[in-house]
Amino acid sequence: DMAAQDKTLLEYQIKATETFASIGYLRDVENRVGEQYKRLDEKLD
């Protein structure tokens, strides 16, 4: 039971790490897209 719980906890930690890494990556993408949008908007103006 403890080995199964350890495995489940490890899987959760991996998913949490992936999620936090994904959040950081998504924020980075959002910032880059936002900057690109501002540049396009300025160019259009």
PDB file of all heavy atoms in Angstrom:
ATOM      1  N   ASP A   1       0.828  -1.210   0.000  1.00  0.00           N
ATOM      2  CA  ASP A   1       0.000   0.000   0.000  1.00  0.00           C
ATOM      3  C   ASP A   1       0.860   1.258   0.000  1.00  0.00           C
ATOM      4  O   ASP A   1       0.574   2.210  -0.722  1.00  0.00           O
ATOM      5  CB  ASP A   1      -0.934   0.020   1.217  1.00  0.00           C
ATOM      6  CG  ASP A   1      -2.035  -1.022   1.123  1.00  0.00           C
ATOM      7  OD1 ASP A   1      -2.233  -1.587   0.022  1.00  0.00           O
ATOM      8  OD2 ASP A   1      -2.692  -1.273   2.154  1.00  0.00           O
ATOM      9  N   MET A   2       1.916   1.258   0.805  1.00  0.00           N
ATOM     10  CA  MET A   2       2.799   2.420   0.857  1.00  0.00           C
ATOM     11  C   MET A   2       3.519   2.621  -0.473  1.00  0.00           C
ATOM     12  O   MET A   2       3.694   3.751  -0.928  1.00  0.00           O
ATOM     13  CB  MET A   2       3.801   2.281   2.003  1.00  0.00           C
ATOM     14  CG  MET A   2       3.162   2.468   3.371  1.00  0.00           C
ATOM     15  SD  MET A   2       4.351   2.389   4.701  1.00  0.00           S
ATOM     16  CE  MET A   2       5.237   3.913   4.425  1.00  0.00           C
ATOM     17  N   ALA A   3       3.917   1.514  -1.110  1.00  0.00           N
ATOM     18  CA  ALA A   3       4.581   1.627  -2.409  1.00  0.00           C
ATOM     19  C   ALA A   3       3.612   2.209  -3.441  1.00  0.00           C
ATOM     20  O   ALA A   3       3.985   3.063  -4.246  1.00  0.00           O
ATOM     21  CB  ALA A   3       5.094   0.266  -2.866  1.00  0.00           C
ATOM     22  N   ALA A   4       2.355   1.761  -3.393  1.00  0.00           N
ATOM     23  CA  ALA A   4       1.347   2.295  -4.314  1.00  0.00           C
ATOM     24  C   ALA A   4       1.107   3.782  -4.035  1.00  0.00           C
ATOM     25  O   ALA A   4       0.981   4.583  -4.965  1.00  0.00           O
ATOM     26  CB  ALA A   4       0.043   1.509  -4.195  1.00  0.00           C
ATOM     27  N   GLN A   5       1.050   4.152  -2.752  1.00  0.00           N
ATOM     28  CA  GLN A   5       0.860   5.563  -2.407  1.00  0.00           C
ATOM     29  C   GLN A   5       2.060   6.396  -2.841  1.00  0.00           C
ATOM     30  O   GLN A   5       1.907   7.514  -3.325  1.00  0.00           O
ATOM     31  CB  GLN A   5       0.612   5.717  -0.909  1.00  0.00           C
ATOM     32  CG  GLN A   5      -0.741   5.232  -0.466  1.00  0.00           C
ATOM     33  CD  GLN A   5      -0.930   5.316   1.035  1.00  0.00           C
ATOM     34  OE1 GLN A   5      -0.013   5.648   1.768  1.00  0.00           O
ATOM     35  NE2 GLN A   5      -2.134   5.006   1.493  1.00  0.00           N
ATOM     36  N   ASP A   6       3.273   5.854  -2.660  1.00  0.00           N
ATOM     37  CA  ASP A   6       4.480   6.557  -3.104  1.00  0.00           C
ATOM     38  C   ASP A   6       4.438   6.780  -4.612  1.00  0.00           C
ATOM     39  O   ASP A   6       4.780   7.852  -5.102  1.00  0.00           O
ATOM     40  CB  ASP A   6       5.745   5.790  -2.728  1.00  0.00           C
ATOM     41  CG  ASP A   6       6.045   5.839  -1.239  1.00  0.00           C
ATOM     42  OD1 ASP A   6       5.445   6.682  -0.538  1.00  0.00           O
ATOM     43  OD2 ASP A   6       6.884   5.039  -0.780  1.00  0.00           O
ATOM     44  N   LYS A   7       4.004   5.744  -5.346  1.00  0.00           N
ATOM     45  CA  LYS A   7       3.914   5.867  -6.802  1.00  0.00           C
ATOM     46  C   LYS A   7       2.887   6.923  -7.185  1.00  0.00           C
ATOM     47  O   LYS A   7       3.137   7.768  -8.056  1.00  0.00           O
ATOM     48  CB  LYS A   7       3.541   4.515  -7.411  1.00  0.00           C
ATOM     49  CG  LYS A   7       3.477   4.535  -8.908  1.00  0.00           C
ATOM     50  CD  LYS A   7       3.094   3.183  -9.464  1.00  0.00           C
ATOM     51  CE  LYS A   7       2.963   3.264 -10.977  1.00  0.00           C
ATOM     52  NZ  LYS A   7       2.421   2.055 -11.546  1.00  0.00           N
ATOM     53  N   THR A   8       1.731   6.899  -6.514  1.00  0.00           N
ATOM     54  CA  THR A   8       0.692   7.885  -6.787  1.00  0.00           C
ATOM     55  C   THR A   8       1.188   9.293  -6.465  1.00  0.00           C
ATOM     56  O   THR A   8       0.950  10.232  -7.238  1.00  0.00           O
ATOM     57  CB  THR A   8      -0.575   7.568  -5.965  1.00  0.00           C
ATOM     58  OG1 THR A   8      -1.017   6.251  -6.295  1.00  0.00           O
ATOM     59  CG2 THR A   8      -1.686   8.555  -6.232  1.00  0.00           C
ATOM     60  N   LEU A   9       1.879   9.438  -5.338  1.00  0.00           N
ATOM     61  CA  LEU A   9       2.414  10.748  -4.959  1.00  0.00           C
ATOM     62  C   LEU A   9       3.440  11.226  -5.974  1.00  0.00           C
ATOM     63  O   LEU A   9       3.432  12.391  -6.373  1.00  0.00           O
ATOM     64  CB  LEU A   9       3.039  10.682  -3.567  1.00  0.00           C
ATOM     65  CG  LEU A   9       3.670  11.972  -3.054  1.00  0.00           C
ATOM     66  CD1 LEU A   9       2.628  13.087  -2.963  1.00  0.00           C
ATOM     67  CD2 LEU A   9       4.321  11.743  -1.705  1.00  0.00           C
ATOM     68  N   LEU A  10       4.305  10.330  -6.417  1.00  0.00           N
ATOM     69  CA  LEU A  10       5.298  10.693  -7.416  1.00  0.00           C
ATOM     70  C   LEU A  10       4.627  11.131  -8.716  1.00  0.00           C
ATOM     71  O   LEU A  10       5.014  12.137  -9.315  1.00  0.00           O
ATOM     72  CB  LEU A  10       6.248   9.527  -7.679  1.00  0.00           C
ATOM     73  CG  LEU A  10       7.352   9.774  -8.702  1.00  0.00           C
ATOM     74  CD1 LEU A  10       8.269  10.902  -8.238  1.00  0.00           C
ATOM     75  CD2 LEU A  10       8.142   8.512  -8.943  1.00  0.00           C
ATOM     76  N   GLU A  11       3.604  10.383  -9.136  1.00  0.00           N
ATOM     77  CA  GLU A  11       2.872  10.762 -10.347  1.00  0.00           C
ATOM     78  C   GLU A  11       2.218  12.131 -10.175  1.00  0.00           C
ATOM     79  O   GLU A  11       2.235  12.952 -11.088  1.00  0.00           O
ATOM     80  CB  GLU A  11       1.819   9.714 -10.683  1.00  0.00           C
ATOM     81  CG  GLU A  11       2.402   8.405 -11.184  1.00  0.00           C
ATOM     82  CD  GLU A  11       1.369   7.302 -11.318  1.00  0.00           C
ATOM     83  OE1 GLU A  11       0.196   7.521 -10.939  1.00  0.00           O
ATOM     84  OE2 GLU A  11       1.739   6.218 -11.799  1.00  0.00           O
ATOM     85  N   TYR A  12       1.661  12.386  -8.988  1.00  0.00           N
ATOM     86  CA  TYR A  12       1.050  13.690  -8.726  1.00  0.00           C
ATOM     87  C   TYR A  12       2.109  14.783  -8.773  1.00  0.00           C
ATOM     88  O   TYR A  12       1.877  15.854  -9.349  1.00  0.00           O
ATOM     89  CB  TYR A  12       0.348  13.686  -7.360  1.00  0.00           C
ATOM     90  CG  TYR A  12      -0.108  15.059  -6.952  1.00  0.00           C
ATOM     91  CD1 TYR A  12      -1.243  15.628  -7.515  1.00  0.00           C
ATOM     92  CD2 TYR A  12       0.607  15.796  -6.016  1.00  0.00           C
ATOM     93  CE1 TYR A  12      -1.662  16.890  -7.159  1.00  0.00           C
ATOM     94  CE2 TYR A  12       0.196  17.071  -5.651  1.00  0.00           C
ATOM     95  CZ  TYR A  12      -0.929  17.604  -6.226  1.00  0.00           C
ATOM     96  OH  TYR A  12      -1.328  18.864  -5.871  1.00  0.00           O
ATOM     97  N   GLN A  13       3.270  14.531  -8.155  1.00  0.00           N
ATOM     98  CA  GLN A  13       4.332  15.531  -8.159  1.00  0.00           C
ATOM     99  C   GLN A  13       4.799  15.820  -9.579  1.00  0.00           C
ATOM    100  O   GLN A  13       5.056  16.975  -9.933  1.00  0.00           O
ATOM    101  CB  GLN A  13       5.506  15.056  -7.298  1.00  0.00           C
ATOM    102  CG  GLN A  13       5.197  15.081  -5.813  1.00  0.00           C
ATOM    103  CD  GLN A  13       6.287  14.416  -4.984  1.00  0.00           C
ATOM    104  OE1 GLN A  13       7.054  13.618  -5.482  1.00  0.00           O
ATOM    105  NE2 GLN A  13       6.331  14.756  -3.710  1.00  0.00           N
ATOM    106  N   ILE A  14       4.894  14.777 -10.396  1.00  0.00           N
ATOM    107  CA  ILE A  14       5.303  14.976 -11.787  1.00  0.00           C
ATOM    108  C   ILE A  14       4.262  15.811 -12.518  1.00  0.00           C
ATOM    109  O   ILE A  14       4.597  16.759 -13.227  1.00  0.00           O
ATOM    110  CB  ILE A  14       5.534  13.621 -12.486  1.00  0.00           C
ATOM    111  CG1 ILE A  14       6.800  12.963 -11.936  1.00  0.00           C
ATOM    112  CG2 ILE A  14       5.625  13.791 -13.998  1.00  0.00           C
ATOM    113  CD1 ILE A  14       6.990  11.524 -12.378  1.00  0.00           C
ATOM    114  N   LYS A  15       2.981  15.473 -12.328  1.00  0.00           N
ATOM    115  CA  LYS A  15       1.922  16.245 -12.993  1.00  0.00           C
ATOM    116  C   LYS A  15       1.911  17.686 -12.506  1.00  0.00           C
ATOM    117  O   LYS A  15       1.727  18.614 -13.297  1.00  0.00           O
ATOM    118  CB  LYS A  15       0.564  15.589 -12.773  1.00  0.00           C
ATOM    119  CG  LYS A  15       0.380  14.344 -13.592  1.00  0.00           C
ATOM    120  CD  LYS A  15      -1.011  13.795 -13.454  1.00  0.00           C
ATOM    121  CE  LYS A  15      -1.073  12.471 -14.166  1.00  0.00           C
ATOM    122  NZ  LYS A  15      -2.039  12.398 -15.185  1.00  0.00           N
ATOM    123  N   ALA A  16       2.101  17.870 -11.202  1.00  0.00           N
ATOM    124  CA  ALA A  16       2.127  19.237 -10.665  1.00  0.00           C
ATOM    125  C   ALA A  16       3.304  20.006 -11.247  1.00  0.00           C
ATOM    126  O   ALA A  16       3.165  21.164 -11.645  1.00  0.00           O
ATOM    127  CB  ALA A  16       2.219  19.203  -9.141  1.00  0.00           C
ATOM    128  N   THR A  17       4.448  19.355 -11.348  1.00  0.00           N
ATOM    129  CA  THR A  17       5.623  20.002 -11.931  1.00  0.00           C
ATOM    130  C   THR A  17       5.365  20.347 -13.390  1.00  0.00           C
ATOM    131  O   THR A  17       5.689  21.450 -13.842  1.00  0.00           O
ATOM    132  CB  THR A  17       6.851  19.078 -11.813  1.00  0.00           C
ATOM    133  OG1 THR A  17       7.062  18.771 -10.434  1.00  0.00           O
ATOM    134  CG2 THR A  17       8.082  19.724 -12.375  1.00  0.00           C
ATOM    135  N   GLU A  18       4.783  19.396 -14.121  1.00  0.00           N
ATOM    136  CA  GLU A  18       4.463  19.663 -15.524  1.00  0.00           C
ATOM    137  C   GLU A  18       3.462  20.806 -15.645  1.00  0.00           C
ATOM    138  O   GLU A  18       3.584  21.656 -16.526  1.00  0.00           O
ATOM    139  CB  GLU A  18       3.896  18.411 -16.190  1.00  0.00           C
ATOM    140  CG  GLU A  18       4.912  17.315 -16.413  1.00  0.00           C
ATOM    141  CD  GLU A  18       4.273  16.029 -16.905  1.00  0.00           C
ATOM    142  OE1 GLU A  18       3.037  15.916 -16.895  1.00  0.00           O
ATOM    143  OE2 GLU A  18       5.029  15.121 -17.284  1.00  0.00           O
ATOM    144  N   THR A  19       2.496  20.836 -14.745  1.00  0.00           N
ATOM    145  CA  THR A  19       1.486  21.888 -14.781  1.00  0.00           C
ATOM    146  C   THR A  19       2.121  23.247 -14.527  1.00  0.00           C
ATOM    147  O   THR A  19       1.865  24.206 -15.252  1.00  0.00           O
ATOM    148  CB  THR A  19       0.380  21.616 -13.742  1.00  0.00           C
ATOM    149  OG1 THR A  19      -0.230  20.365 -14.054  1.00  0.00           O
ATOM    150  CG2 THR A  19      -0.672  22.701 -13.749  1.00  0.00           C
ATOM    151  N   PHE A  20       2.958  23.316 -13.471  1.00  0.00           N
ATOM    152  CA  PHE A  20       3.604  24.591 -13.181  1.00  0.00           C
ATOM    153  C   PHE A  20       4.543  24.987 -14.309  1.00  0.00           C
ATOM    154  O   PHE A  20       4.625  26.161 -14.672  1.00  0.00           O
ATOM    155  CB  PHE A  20       4.340  24.546 -11.846  1.00  0.00           C
ATOM    156  CG  PHE A  20       3.412  24.548 -10.671  1.00  0.00           C
ATOM    157  CD1 PHE A  20       3.468  23.556  -9.720  1.00  0.00           C
ATOM    158  CD2 PHE A  20       2.449  25.549 -10.520  1.00  0.00           C
ATOM    159  CE1 PHE A  20       2.607  23.563  -8.639  1.00  0.00           C
ATOM    160  CE2 PHE A  20       1.586  25.557  -9.457  1.00  0.00           C
ATOM    161  CZ  PHE A  20       1.659  24.557  -8.506  1.00  0.00           C
ATOM    162  N   ALA A  21       5.228  24.018 -14.882  1.00  0.00           N
ATOM    163  CA  ALA A  21       6.094  24.318 -16.025  1.00  0.00           C
ATOM    164  C   ALA A  21       5.236  24.788 -17.191  1.00  0.00           C
ATOM    165  O   ALA A  21       5.592  25.731 -17.902  1.00  0.00           O
ATOM    166  CB  ALA A  21       6.906  23.084 -16.406  1.00  0.00           C
ATOM    167  N   SER A  22       4.100  24.148 -17.384  1.00  0.00           N
ATOM    168  CA  SER A  22       3.189  24.544 -18.459  1.00  0.00           C
ATOM    169  C   SER A  22       2.655  25.949 -18.220  1.00  0.00           C
ATOM    170  O   SER A  22       2.528  26.734 -19.160  1.00  0.00           O
ATOM    171  CB  SER A  22       2.024  23.558 -18.565  1.00  0.00           C
ATOM    172  OG  SER A  22       2.498  22.276 -18.908  1.00  0.00           O
ATOM    173  N   ILE A  23       2.344  26.262 -16.973  1.00  0.00           N
ATOM    174  CA  ILE A  23       1.827  27.601 -16.661  1.00  0.00           C
ATOM    175  C   ILE A  23       2.881  28.643 -17.005  1.00  0.00           C
ATOM    176  O   ILE A  23       2.590  29.655 -17.633  1.00  0.00           O
ATOM    177  CB  ILE A  23       1.398  27.691 -15.177  1.00  0.00           C
ATOM    178  CG1 ILE A  23       0.126  26.868 -14.946  1.00  0.00           C
ATOM    179  CG2 ILE A  23       1.186  29.145 -14.767  1.00  0.00           C
ATOM    180  CD1 ILE A  23      -0.258  26.716 -13.501  1.00  0.00           C
ATOM    181  N   GLY A  24       4.113  28.383 -16.632  1.00  0.00           N
ATOM    182  CA  GLY A  24       5.188  29.304 -16.961  1.00  0.00           C
ATOM    183  C   GLY A  24       5.369  29.438 -18.460  1.00  0.00           C
ATOM    184  O   GLY A  24       5.533  30.551 -18.984  1.00  0.00           O
ATOM    185  N   TYR A  25       5.332  28.322 -19.139  1.00  0.00           N
ATOM    186  CA  TYR A  25       5.480  28.345 -20.607  1.00  0.00           C
ATOM    187  C   TYR A  25       4.321  29.104 -21.241  1.00  0.00           C
ATOM    188  O   TYR A  25       4.515  29.937 -22.136  1.00  0.00           O
ATOM    189  CB  TYR A  25       5.545  26.916 -21.144  1.00  0.00           C
ATOM    190  CG  TYR A  25       5.594  26.843 -22.647  1.00  0.00           C
ATOM    191  CD1 TYR A  25       6.750  27.196 -23.339  1.00  0.00           C
ATOM    192  CD2 TYR A  25       4.480  26.433 -23.371  1.00  0.00           C
ATOM    193  CE1 TYR A  25       6.789  27.142 -24.722  1.00  0.00           C
ATOM    194  CE2 TYR A  25       4.509  26.375 -24.757  1.00  0.00           C
ATOM    195  CZ  TYR A  25       5.673  26.728 -25.425  1.00  0.00           C
ATOM    196  OH  TYR A  25       5.710  26.678 -26.790  1.00  0.00           O
ATOM    197  N   LEU A  26       3.102  28.833 -20.755  1.00  0.00           N
ATOM    198  CA  LEU A  26       1.939  29.525 -21.312  1.00  0.00           C
ATOM    199  C   LEU A  26       1.999  31.027 -21.053  1.00  0.00           C
ATOM    200  O   LEU A  26       1.631  31.831 -21.908  1.00  0.00           O
ATOM    201  CB  LEU A  26       0.650  28.936 -20.735  1.00  0.00           C
ATOM    202  CG  LEU A  26       0.303  27.526 -21.220  1.00  0.00           C
ATOM    203  CD1 LEU A  26      -0.903  26.997 -20.452  1.00  0.00           C
ATOM    204  CD2 LEU A  26       0.025  27.514 -22.703  1.00  0.00           C
ATOM    205  N   ARG A  27       2.472  31.410 -19.875  1.00  0.00           N
ATOM    206  CA  ARG A  27       2.615  32.844 -19.588  1.00  0.00           C
ATOM    207  C   ARG A  27       3.636  33.479 -20.524  1.00  0.00           C
ATOM    208  O   ARG A  27       3.443  34.603 -20.995  1.00  0.00           O
ATOM    209  CB  ARG A  27       3.011  33.049 -18.135  1.00  0.00           C
ATOM    210  CG  ARG A  27       1.853  32.845 -17.191  1.00  0.00           C
ATOM    211  CD  ARG A  27       2.210  33.169 -15.775  1.00  0.00           C
ATOM    212  NE  ARG A  27       1.052  32.961 -14.922  1.00  0.00           N
ATOM    213  CZ  ARG A  27       1.129  32.690 -13.643  1.00  0.00           C
ATOM    214  NH1 ARG A  27       2.301  32.603 -13.056  1.00  0.00           N
ATOM    215  NH2 ARG A  27       0.035  32.495 -12.942  1.00  0.00           N
ATOM    216  N   ASP A  28       4.725  32.750 -20.769  1.00  0.00           N
ATOM    217  CA  ASP A  28       5.739  33.246 -21.687  1.00  0.00           C
ATOM    218  C   ASP A  28       5.154  33.427 -23.087  1.00  0.00           C
ATOM    219  O   ASP A  28       5.352  34.460 -23.733  1.00  0.00           O
ATOM    220  CB  ASP A  28       6.934  32.297 -21.721  1.00  0.00           C
ATOM    221  CG  ASP A  28       8.043  32.802 -22.617  1.00  0.00           C
ATOM    222  OD1 ASP A  28       8.428  33.979 -22.480  1.00  0.00           O
ATOM    223  OD2 ASP A  28       8.508  32.012 -23.464  1.00  0.00           O
ATOM    224  N   VAL A  29       4.413  32.422 -23.540  1.00  0.00           N
ATOM    225  CA  VAL A  29       3.770  32.510 -24.856  1.00  0.00           C
ATOM    226  C   VAL A  29       2.777  33.661 -24.874  1.00  0.00           C
ATOM    227  O   VAL A  29       2.721  34.439 -25.842  1.00  0.00           O
ATOM    228  CB  VAL A  29       3.082  31.170 -25.226  1.00  0.00           C
ATOM    229  CG1 VAL A  29       2.196  31.331 -26.450  1.00  0.00           C
ATOM    230  CG2 VAL A  29       4.125  30.089 -25.451  1.00  0.00           C
ATOM    231  N   GLU A  30       2.004  33.793 -23.813  1.00  0.00           N
ATOM    232  CA  GLU A  30       1.025  34.884 -23.724  1.00  0.00           C
ATOM    233  C   GLU A  30       1.732  36.236 -23.810  1.00  0.00           C
ATOM    234  O   GLU A  30       1.274  37.136 -24.531  1.00  0.00           O
ATOM    235  CB  GLU A  30       0.250  34.770 -22.408  1.00  0.00           C
ATOM    236  CG  GLU A  30      -0.775  35.863 -22.209  1.00  0.00           C
ATOM    237  CD  GLU A  30      -1.455  35.773 -20.853  1.00  0.00           C
ATOM    238  OE1 GLU A  30      -0.862  35.224 -19.908  1.00  0.00           O
ATOM    239  OE2 GLU A  30      -2.579  36.277 -20.755  1.00  0.00           O
ATOM    240  N   ASN A  31       2.841  36.386 -23.124  1.00  0.00           N
ATOM    241  CA  ASN A  31       3.586  37.649 -23.176  1.00  0.00           C
ATOM    242  C   ASN A  31       4.119  37.920 -24.582  1.00  0.00           C
ATOM    243  O   ASN A  31       4.035  39.048 -25.076  1.00  0.00           O
ATOM    244  CB  ASN A  31       4.736  37.642 -22.165  1.00  0.00           C
ATOM    245  CG  ASN A  31       4.239  37.723 -20.735  1.00  0.00           C
ATOM    246  OD1 ASN A  31       3.146  38.218 -20.484  1.00  0.00           O
ATOM    247  ND2 ASN A  31       5.028  37.230 -19.804  1.00  0.00           N
ATOM    248  N   ARG A  32       4.672  36.888 -25.211  1.00  0.00           N
ATOM    249  CA  ARG A  32       5.198  37.074 -26.559  1.00  0.00           C
ATOM    250  C   ARG A  32       4.086  37.423 -27.545  1.00  0.00           C
ATOM    251  O   ARG A  32       4.245  38.314 -28.384  1.00  0.00           O
ATOM    252  CB  ARG A  32       5.947  35.825 -27.026  1.00  0.00           C
ATOM    253  CG  ARG A  32       7.312  35.707 -26.343  1.00  0.00           C
ATOM    254  CD  ARG A  32       8.128  34.582 -26.918  1.00  0.00           C
ATOM    255  NE  ARG A  32       7.651  33.330 -26.329  1.00  0.00           N
ATOM    256  CZ  ARG A  32       7.694  32.160 -26.926  1.00  0.00           C
ATOM    257  NH1 ARG A  32       8.165  32.044 -28.146  1.00  0.00           N
ATOM    258  NH2 ARG A  32       7.258  31.077 -26.324  1.00  0.00           N
ATOM    259  N   VAL A  33       2.956  36.720 -27.426  1.00  0.00           N
ATOM    260  CA  VAL A  33       1.818  37.010 -28.316  1.00  0.00           C
ATOM    261  C   VAL A  33       1.294  38.417 -28.033  1.00  0.00           C
ATOM    262  O   VAL A  33       0.967  39.176 -28.958  1.00  0.00           O
ATOM    263  CB  VAL A  33       0.705  35.946 -28.159  1.00  0.00           C
ATOM    264  CG1 VAL A  33      -0.580  36.379 -28.834  1.00  0.00           C
ATOM    265  CG2 VAL A  33       1.170  34.610 -28.709  1.00  0.00           C
ATOM    266  N   GLY A  34       1.230  38.793 -26.765  1.00  0.00           N
ATOM    267  CA  GLY A  34       0.781  40.142 -26.403  1.00  0.00           C
ATOM    268  C   GLY A  34       1.699  41.210 -26.978  1.00  0.00           C
ATOM    269  O   GLY A  34       1.229  42.233 -27.502  1.00  0.00           O
ATOM    270  N   GLU A  35       3.016  40.981 -26.877  1.00  0.00           N
ATOM    271  CA  GLU A  35       3.973  41.933 -27.445  1.00  0.00           C
ATOM    272  C   GLU A  35       3.815  42.020 -28.963  1.00  0.00           C
ATOM    273  O   GLU A  35       3.845  43.107 -29.552  1.00  0.00           O
ATOM    274  CB  GLU A  35       5.407  41.537 -27.086  1.00  0.00           C
ATOM    275  CG  GLU A  35       5.754  41.718 -25.619  1.00  0.00           C
ATOM    276  CD  GLU A  35       5.672  43.177 -25.188  1.00  0.00           C
ATOM    277  OE1 GLU A  35       6.108  44.052 -25.955  1.00  0.00           O
ATOM    278  OE2 GLU A  35       5.151  43.417 -24.079  1.00  0.00           O
ATOM    279  N   GLN A  36       3.650  40.878 -29.586  1.00  0.00           N
ATOM    280  CA  GLN A  36       3.456  40.855 -31.042  1.00  0.00           C
ATOM    281  C   GLN A  36       2.174  41.591 -31.422  1.00  0.00           C
ATOM    282  O   GLN A  36       2.143  42.348 -32.391  1.00  0.00           O
ATOM    283  CB  GLN A  36       3.401  39.393 -31.538  1.00  0.00           C
ATOM    284  CG  GLN A  36       3.359  39.242 -33.032  1.00  0.00           C
ATOM    285  CD  GLN A  36       4.676  39.640 -33.697  1.00  0.00           C
ATOM    286  OE1 GLN A  36       5.722  39.680 -33.079  1.00  0.00           O
ATOM    287  NE2 GLN A  36       4.608  39.936 -34.979  1.00  0.00           N
ATOM    288  N   TYR A  37       1.127  41.385 -30.626  1.00  0.00           N
ATOM    289  CA  TYR A  37      -0.145  42.069 -30.872  1.00  0.00           C
ATOM    290  C   TYR A  37       0.036  43.582 -30.769  1.00  0.00           C
ATOM    291  O   TYR A  37      -0.468  44.344 -31.600  1.00  0.00           O
ATOM    292  CB  TYR A  37      -1.212  41.578 -29.886  1.00  0.00           C
ATOM    293  CG  TYR A  37      -2.513  42.315 -30.002  1.00  0.00           C
ATOM    294  CD1 TYR A  37      -3.387  42.049 -31.045  1.00  0.00           C
ATOM    295  CD2 TYR A  37      -2.866  43.293 -29.077  1.00  0.00           C
ATOM    296  CE1 TYR A  37      -4.580  42.740 -31.166  1.00  0.00           C
ATOM    297  CE2 TYR A  37      -4.055  43.988 -29.184  1.00  0.00           C
ATOM    298  CZ  TYR A  37      -4.909  43.702 -30.229  1.00  0.00           C
ATOM    299  OH  TYR A  37      -6.090  44.395 -30.355  1.00  0.00           O
ATOM    300  N   LYS A  38       0.776  44.046 -29.743  1.00  0.00           N
ATOM    301  CA  LYS A  38       1.020  45.484 -29.574  1.00  0.00           C
ATOM    302  C   LYS A  38       1.768  46.044 -30.776  1.00  0.00           C
ATOM    303  O   LYS A  38       1.438  47.127 -31.285  1.00  0.00           O
ATOM    304  CB  LYS A  38       1.830  45.749 -28.297  1.00  0.00           C
ATOM    305  CG  LYS A  38       1.042  45.636 -27.033  1.00  0.00           C
ATOM    306  CD  LYS A  38       1.944  45.921 -25.839  1.00  0.00           C
ATOM    307  CE  LYS A  38       1.229  45.631 -24.533  1.00  0.00           C
ATOM    308  NZ  LYS A  38       2.123  45.817 -23.380  1.00  0.00           N
ATOM    309  N   ARG A  39       2.805  45.305 -31.219  1.00  0.00           N
ATOM    310  CA  ARG A  39       3.562  45.769 -32.383  1.00  0.00           C
ATOM    311  C   ARG A  39       2.672  45.865 -33.625  1.00  0.00           C
ATOM    312  O   ARG A  39       2.747  46.838 -34.374  1.00  0.00           O
ATOM    313  CB  ARG A  39       4.755  44.848 -32.644  1.00  0.00           C
ATOM    314  CG  ARG A  39       5.918  45.165 -31.725  1.00  0.00           C
ATOM    315  CD  ARG A  39       7.125  44.339 -32.072  1.00  0.00           C
ATOM    316  NE  ARG A  39       7.241  43.405 -30.955  1.00  0.00           N
ATOM    317  CZ  ARG A  39       7.596  42.146 -31.041  1.00  0.00           C
ATOM    318  NH1 ARG A  39       7.896  41.620 -32.200  1.00  0.00           N
ATOM    319  NH2 ARG A  39       7.669  41.392 -29.987  1.00  0.00           N
ATOM    320  N   LEU A  40       1.837  44.844 -33.838  1.00  0.00           N
ATOM    321  CA  LEU A  40       0.924  44.876 -34.993  1.00  0.00           C
ATOM    322  C   LEU A  40      -0.065  46.022 -34.870  1.00  0.00           C
ATOM    323  O   LEU A  40      -0.383  46.698 -35.862  1.00  0.00           O
ATOM    324  CB  LEU A  40       0.181  43.541 -35.131  1.00  0.00           C
ATOM    325  CG  LEU A  40       1.015  42.358 -35.599  1.00  0.00           C
ATOM    326  CD1 LEU A  40       0.206  41.078 -35.498  1.00  0.00           C
ATOM    327  CD2 LEU A  40       1.483  42.578 -37.031  1.00  0.00           C
ATOM    328  N   ASP A  41      -0.558  46.255 -33.662  1.00  0.00           N
ATOM    329  CA  ASP A  41      -1.510  47.337 -33.438  1.00  0.00           C
ATOM    330  C   ASP A  41      -0.851  48.692 -33.716  1.00  0.00           C
ATOM    331  O   ASP A  41      -1.452  49.566 -34.363  1.00  0.00           O
ATOM    332  CB  ASP A  41      -2.029  47.262 -32.002  1.00  0.00           C
ATOM    333  CG  ASP A  41      -3.292  48.077 -31.800  1.00  0.00           C
ATOM    334  OD1 ASP A  41      -4.146  48.090 -32.716  1.00  0.00           O
ATOM    335  OD2 ASP A  41      -3.409  48.713 -30.730  1.00  0.00           O
ATOM    336  N   GLU A  42       0.376  48.865 -33.241  1.00  0.00           N
ATOM    337  CA  GLU A  42       1.108  50.112 -33.493  1.00  0.00           C
ATOM    338  C   GLU A  42       1.360  50.284 -34.993  1.00  0.00           C
ATOM    339  O   GLU A  42       1.221  51.400 -35.537  1.00  0.00           O
ATOM    340  CB  GLU A  42       2.436  50.118 -32.729  1.00  0.00           C
ATOM    341  CG  GLU A  42       2.267  50.251 -31.224  1.00  0.00           C
ATOM    342  CD  GLU A  42       3.553  49.985 -30.467  1.00  0.00           C
ATOM    343  OE1 GLU A  42       4.611  49.675 -31.091  1.00  0.00           O
ATOM    344  OE2 GLU A  42       3.515  50.067 -29.221  1.00  0.00           O
ATOM    345  N   LYS A  43       1.736  49.204 -35.654  1.00  0.00           N
ATOM    346  CA  LYS A  43       1.979  49.260 -37.092  1.00  0.00           C
ATOM    347  C   LYS A  43       0.702  49.641 -37.841  1.00  0.00           C
ATOM    348  O   LYS A  43       0.723  50.480 -38.768  1.00  0.00           O
ATOM    349  CB  LYS A  43       2.494  47.906 -37.572  1.00  0.00           C
ATOM    350  CG  LYS A  43       3.048  47.909 -38.961  1.00  0.00           C
ATOM    351  CD  LYS A  43       3.663  46.541 -39.256  1.00  0.00           C
ATOM    352  CE  LYS A  43       4.417  46.579 -40.553  1.00  0.00           C
ATOM    353  NZ  LYS A  43       5.046  45.294 -40.859  1.00  0.00           N
ATOM    354  N   LEU A  44      -0.416  49.035 -37.428  1.00  0.00           N
ATOM    355  CA  LEU A  44      -1.699  49.344 -38.053  1.00  0.00           C
ATOM    356  C   LEU A  44      -2.065  50.810 -37.823  1.00  0.00           C
ATOM    357  O   LEU A  44      -2.536  51.495 -38.751  1.00  0.00           O
ATOM    358  CB  LEU A  44      -2.787  48.414 -37.511  1.00  0.00           C
ATOM    359  CG  LEU A  44      -4.157  48.537 -38.142  1.00  0.00           C
ATOM    360  CD1 LEU A  44      -4.098  48.219 -39.642  1.00  0.00           C
ATOM    361  CD2 LEU A  44      -5.141  47.617 -37.452  1.00  0.00           C
ATOM    362  N   ASP A  45      -1.837  51.309 -36.610  1.00  0.00           N
ATOM    363  CA  ASP A  45      -2.108  52.723 -36.327  1.00  0.00           C
ATOM    364  C   ASP A  45      -1.258  53.631 -37.209  1.00  0.00           C
ATOM    365  O   ASP A  45      -1.757  54.638 -37.744  1.00  0.00           O
ATOM    366  CB  ASP A  45      -1.847  53.046 -34.843  1.00  0.00           C
ATOM    367  CG  ASP A  45      -2.917  52.485 -33.922  1.00  0.00           C
ATOM    368  OD1 ASP A  45      -4.009  52.143 -34.430  1.00  0.00           O
ATOM    369  OD2 ASP A  45      -2.658  52.378 -32.706  1.00  0.00           O
TER     370      ASP A  45
END
